[in-house]
């Protein structure tokens, strides 16, 4: 099960990402600047931005849960019937 964490470069998101990884969960973070974002080696880093729907779709691909710390929500995936999670529609 992969968990996507947005807002992962902030204090809370970085701590959550590291903690989930240490707990043995598969973690993916989304950041605008992956080359300058230090995360543990087992954390997947996806380049993305909420203003870019294509990058957002790519970051969400295969995730079962999303911790959206940018807007402080926990979002359940899998996708709805339109194959697009609700939080993606809210930013589209």
N, C-alpha and C. Protein backbone atom coordinates (compact mmCIF):
# COMPACT_ATOMS: atom_id res chain seq x y z
N UNK A 1 0.85 -1.17 0.00
CA UNK A 1 0.00 0.00 0.00
C UNK A 1 0.89 1.24 0.00
N UNK A 2 0.75 2.09 -0.98
CA UNK A 2 1.51 3.33 -1.06
C UNK A 2 0.69 4.48 -0.52
N UNK A 3 1.32 5.30 0.30
CA UNK A 3 0.68 6.49 0.85
C UNK A 3 1.35 7.70 0.23
N UNK A 4 0.55 8.56 -0.38
CA UNK A 4 1.06 9.80 -0.95
C UNK A 4 0.96 10.91 0.09
N UNK A 5 2.07 11.62 0.30
CA UNK A 5 2.07 12.75 1.22
C UNK A 5 2.36 14.01 0.42
N UNK A 6 1.42 14.94 0.44
CA UNK A 6 1.67 16.25 -0.16
C UNK A 6 2.01 17.20 0.99
N UNK A 7 2.69 18.28 0.68
CA UNK A 7 3.14 19.17 1.75
C UNK A 7 4.29 18.54 2.52
N UNK A 8 4.99 17.61 1.88
CA UNK A 8 6.01 16.81 2.56
C UNK A 8 7.30 17.56 2.84
N UNK A 9 7.47 18.75 2.30
CA UNK A 9 8.68 19.51 2.58
C UNK A 9 8.52 20.39 3.82
N UNK A 10 7.32 20.48 4.34
CA UNK A 10 7.09 21.22 5.59
C UNK A 10 7.47 20.38 6.79
N UNK A 11 7.48 20.97 7.95
CA UNK A 11 7.89 20.28 9.17
C UNK A 11 7.01 19.06 9.47
N UNK A 12 5.71 19.22 9.38
CA UNK A 12 4.80 18.11 9.68
C UNK A 12 4.89 17.03 8.61
N UNK A 13 4.87 17.45 7.35
CA UNK A 13 4.92 16.49 6.24
C UNK A 13 6.21 15.70 6.21
N UNK A 14 7.33 16.36 6.47
CA UNK A 14 8.62 15.67 6.49
C UNK A 14 8.65 14.64 7.61
N UNK A 15 8.15 15.04 8.78
CA UNK A 15 8.11 14.11 9.91
C UNK A 15 7.19 12.94 9.65
N UNK A 16 6.02 13.21 9.06
CA UNK A 16 5.07 12.14 8.74
C UNK A 16 5.65 11.18 7.72
N UNK A 17 6.27 11.71 6.69
CA UNK A 17 6.85 10.87 5.64
C UNK A 17 7.92 9.94 6.22
N UNK A 18 8.78 10.50 7.04
CA UNK A 18 9.85 9.71 7.66
C UNK A 18 9.27 8.66 8.59
N UNK A 19 8.29 9.03 9.38
CA UNK A 19 7.68 8.10 10.34
C UNK A 19 6.99 6.95 9.62
N UNK A 20 6.21 7.26 8.59
CA UNK A 20 5.53 6.20 7.83
C UNK A 20 6.54 5.25 7.21
N UNK A 21 7.62 5.80 6.69
CA UNK A 21 8.67 4.99 6.09
C UNK A 21 9.31 4.08 7.13
N UNK A 22 9.60 4.61 8.31
CA UNK A 22 10.19 3.82 9.40
C UNK A 22 9.26 2.72 9.87
N UNK A 23 7.95 2.95 9.72
CA UNK A 23 6.96 1.94 10.10
C UNK A 23 6.84 0.84 9.04
N UNK A 24 7.59 0.98 7.95
CA UNK A 24 7.60 -0.05 6.91
C UNK A 24 6.58 0.14 5.81
N UNK A 25 5.94 1.29 5.78
CA UNK A 25 4.95 1.56 4.75
C UNK A 25 5.62 2.12 3.50
N UNK A 26 4.98 1.91 2.37
CA UNK A 26 5.45 2.47 1.11
C UNK A 26 4.98 3.92 1.05
N UNK A 27 5.93 4.85 0.93
CA UNK A 27 5.60 6.28 0.98
C UNK A 27 6.06 6.96 -0.30
N UNK A 28 5.20 7.81 -0.82
CA UNK A 28 5.55 8.68 -1.95
C UNK A 28 5.24 10.11 -1.53
N UNK A 29 6.16 11.00 -1.79
CA UNK A 29 5.93 12.41 -1.50
C UNK A 29 5.85 13.17 -2.81
N UNK A 30 5.07 14.23 -2.80
CA UNK A 30 4.98 15.09 -3.97
C UNK A 30 5.57 16.44 -3.60
N UNK A 31 6.49 16.91 -4.43
CA UNK A 31 7.13 18.20 -4.19
C UNK A 31 7.41 18.88 -5.52
N UNK A 32 7.46 20.19 -5.49
CA UNK A 32 7.77 20.93 -6.71
C UNK A 32 9.25 20.83 -7.06
N UNK A 33 10.11 20.59 -6.06
CA UNK A 33 11.56 20.55 -6.28
C UNK A 33 12.18 19.29 -5.67
N UNK A 34 12.00 18.14 -6.31
CA UNK A 34 12.51 16.90 -5.73
C UNK A 34 14.03 16.88 -5.59
N UNK A 35 14.74 17.62 -6.45
CA UNK A 35 16.20 17.60 -6.40
C UNK A 35 16.75 18.28 -5.15
N UNK A 36 15.97 19.11 -4.49
CA UNK A 36 16.43 19.79 -3.28
C UNK A 36 15.70 19.31 -2.03
N UNK A 37 14.96 18.23 -2.14
CA UNK A 37 14.16 17.73 -1.02
C UNK A 37 14.74 16.43 -0.49
N UNK A 38 15.42 16.48 0.65
CA UNK A 38 16.04 15.26 1.18
C UNK A 38 15.00 14.37 1.89
N UNK A 39 14.87 13.16 1.41
CA UNK A 39 13.99 12.17 2.03
C UNK A 39 14.76 10.88 2.16
N UNK A 40 14.34 9.99 3.06
CA UNK A 40 15.00 8.68 3.15
C UNK A 40 14.99 7.97 1.79
N UNK A 41 15.97 7.12 1.57
CA UNK A 41 16.13 6.47 0.26
C UNK A 41 14.93 5.64 -0.16
N UNK A 42 14.20 5.09 0.80
CA UNK A 42 13.07 4.24 0.45
C UNK A 42 11.78 5.03 0.19
N UNK A 43 11.83 6.34 0.31
CA UNK A 43 10.66 7.18 0.01
C UNK A 43 10.70 7.57 -1.46
N UNK A 44 9.60 7.30 -2.16
CA UNK A 44 9.49 7.69 -3.57
C UNK A 44 9.23 9.20 -3.64
N UNK A 45 9.93 9.89 -4.51
CA UNK A 45 9.74 11.33 -4.65
C UNK A 45 9.18 11.61 -6.04
N UNK A 46 8.00 12.25 -6.06
CA UNK A 46 7.35 12.59 -7.32
C UNK A 46 7.34 14.10 -7.47
N UNK A 47 7.76 14.56 -8.63
CA UNK A 47 7.69 16.00 -8.91
C UNK A 47 6.25 16.33 -9.26
N UNK A 48 5.69 17.32 -8.58
CA UNK A 48 4.31 17.67 -8.86
C UNK A 48 3.92 18.98 -8.22
N UNK A 49 2.78 19.48 -8.66
CA UNK A 49 2.26 20.75 -8.19
C UNK A 49 0.74 20.70 -8.30
N UNK A 50 0.05 21.25 -7.32
CA UNK A 50 -1.42 21.24 -7.35
C UNK A 50 -1.97 22.03 -8.53
N UNK A 51 -1.20 22.93 -9.09
CA UNK A 51 -1.68 23.70 -10.23
C UNK A 51 -1.48 22.97 -11.55
N UNK A 52 -0.83 21.81 -11.51
CA UNK A 52 -0.55 21.02 -12.72
C UNK A 52 -1.23 19.66 -12.59
N UNK A 53 -2.41 19.54 -13.19
CA UNK A 53 -3.22 18.34 -13.05
C UNK A 53 -2.49 17.09 -13.54
N UNK A 54 -1.69 17.21 -14.60
CA UNK A 54 -0.96 16.06 -15.12
C UNK A 54 0.03 15.54 -14.09
N UNK A 55 0.79 16.42 -13.45
CA UNK A 55 1.75 15.99 -12.45
C UNK A 55 1.04 15.44 -11.22
N UNK A 56 -0.10 15.99 -10.89
CA UNK A 56 -0.88 15.50 -9.76
C UNK A 56 -1.39 14.09 -10.02
N UNK A 57 -1.89 13.85 -11.22
CA UNK A 57 -2.34 12.51 -11.59
C UNK A 57 -1.19 11.50 -11.50
N UNK A 58 -0.02 11.91 -11.97
CA UNK A 58 1.15 11.04 -11.93
C UNK A 58 1.54 10.71 -10.49
N UNK A 59 1.51 11.69 -9.62
CA UNK A 59 1.88 11.46 -8.21
C UNK A 59 0.89 10.54 -7.51
N UNK A 60 -0.38 10.64 -7.87
CA UNK A 60 -1.43 9.85 -7.23
C UNK A 60 -1.46 8.41 -7.75
N UNK A 61 -0.97 8.19 -8.95
CA UNK A 61 -1.02 6.87 -9.59
C UNK A 61 -0.53 5.77 -8.65
N UNK A 62 -1.40 4.83 -8.36
CA UNK A 62 -1.04 3.67 -7.54
C UNK A 62 -1.11 3.89 -6.05
N UNK A 63 -1.45 5.09 -5.59
CA UNK A 63 -1.56 5.34 -4.15
C UNK A 63 -2.93 4.90 -3.65
N UNK A 64 -2.96 4.37 -2.43
CA UNK A 64 -4.22 3.94 -1.83
C UNK A 64 -4.74 4.94 -0.82
N UNK A 65 -3.86 5.74 -0.26
CA UNK A 65 -4.22 6.79 0.68
C UNK A 65 -3.41 8.03 0.33
N UNK A 66 -3.93 9.17 0.69
CA UNK A 66 -3.19 10.41 0.49
C UNK A 66 -3.33 11.27 1.72
N UNK A 67 -2.21 11.74 2.24
CA UNK A 67 -2.20 12.70 3.34
C UNK A 67 -1.90 14.05 2.72
N UNK A 68 -2.93 14.86 2.59
CA UNK A 68 -2.80 16.15 1.93
C UNK A 68 -2.53 17.21 2.99
N UNK A 69 -1.26 17.41 3.33
CA UNK A 69 -0.93 18.36 4.38
C UNK A 69 -0.95 19.80 3.90
N UNK A 70 -1.01 19.99 2.60
CA UNK A 70 -1.15 21.34 2.05
C UNK A 70 -2.48 21.94 2.49
N UNK A 71 -3.52 21.11 2.51
CA UNK A 71 -4.83 21.59 2.95
C UNK A 71 -5.33 20.80 4.17
N UNK A 72 -4.42 20.03 4.79
CA UNK A 72 -4.68 19.30 6.03
C UNK A 72 -5.88 18.37 5.95
N UNK A 73 -5.86 17.47 4.99
CA UNK A 73 -6.91 16.47 4.84
C UNK A 73 -6.28 15.09 4.68
N UNK A 74 -7.02 14.06 5.09
CA UNK A 74 -6.65 12.69 4.78
C UNK A 74 -7.66 12.19 3.77
N UNK A 75 -7.18 11.76 2.63
CA UNK A 75 -8.05 11.40 1.53
C UNK A 75 -7.96 9.91 1.28
N UNK A 76 -9.10 9.25 1.22
CA UNK A 76 -9.12 7.83 0.89
C UNK A 76 -9.13 7.66 -0.61
N UNK A 77 -8.27 6.79 -1.09
CA UNK A 77 -8.28 6.35 -2.47
C UNK A 77 -8.62 4.87 -2.38
N UNK A 78 -9.09 4.13 -3.27
CA UNK A 78 -8.99 4.26 -4.70
C UNK A 78 -9.96 5.29 -5.26
N UNK A 79 -9.81 5.42 -6.54
CA UNK A 79 -10.50 6.46 -7.27
C UNK A 79 -11.99 6.23 -7.35
N UNK A 80 -12.68 7.31 -7.58
CA UNK A 80 -14.12 7.25 -7.79
C UNK A 80 -14.40 6.77 -9.22
N UNK A 81 -15.65 6.71 -9.56
CA UNK A 81 -16.03 6.15 -10.87
C UNK A 81 -15.40 6.90 -12.04
N UNK A 82 -15.05 8.15 -11.85
CA UNK A 82 -14.43 8.90 -12.93
C UNK A 82 -12.93 8.64 -13.00
N UNK A 83 -12.42 7.72 -12.16
CA UNK A 83 -11.00 7.41 -12.07
C UNK A 83 -10.16 8.61 -11.67
N UNK A 84 -10.74 9.51 -10.94
CA UNK A 84 -10.04 10.69 -10.47
C UNK A 84 -10.45 10.93 -9.02
N UNK A 85 -9.50 11.00 -8.10
CA UNK A 85 -9.88 11.23 -6.71
C UNK A 85 -10.53 12.60 -6.51
N UNK A 86 -11.34 12.70 -5.49
CA UNK A 86 -12.10 13.92 -5.25
C UNK A 86 -11.19 15.13 -5.07
N UNK A 87 -10.06 14.96 -4.39
CA UNK A 87 -9.22 16.14 -4.15
C UNK A 87 -8.61 16.66 -5.45
N UNK A 88 -8.43 15.79 -6.45
CA UNK A 88 -7.92 16.26 -7.74
C UNK A 88 -8.99 17.11 -8.43
N UNK A 89 -10.23 16.71 -8.30
CA UNK A 89 -11.30 17.48 -8.92
C UNK A 89 -11.42 18.86 -8.27
N UNK A 90 -11.13 18.93 -6.97
CA UNK A 90 -11.28 20.22 -6.29
C UNK A 90 -10.22 21.21 -6.72
N UNK A 91 -9.09 20.75 -7.28
CA UNK A 91 -8.04 21.64 -7.72
C UNK A 91 -8.03 21.84 -9.24
N UNK A 92 -8.87 21.09 -9.93
CA UNK A 92 -8.86 21.16 -11.40
C UNK A 92 -9.44 22.46 -11.92
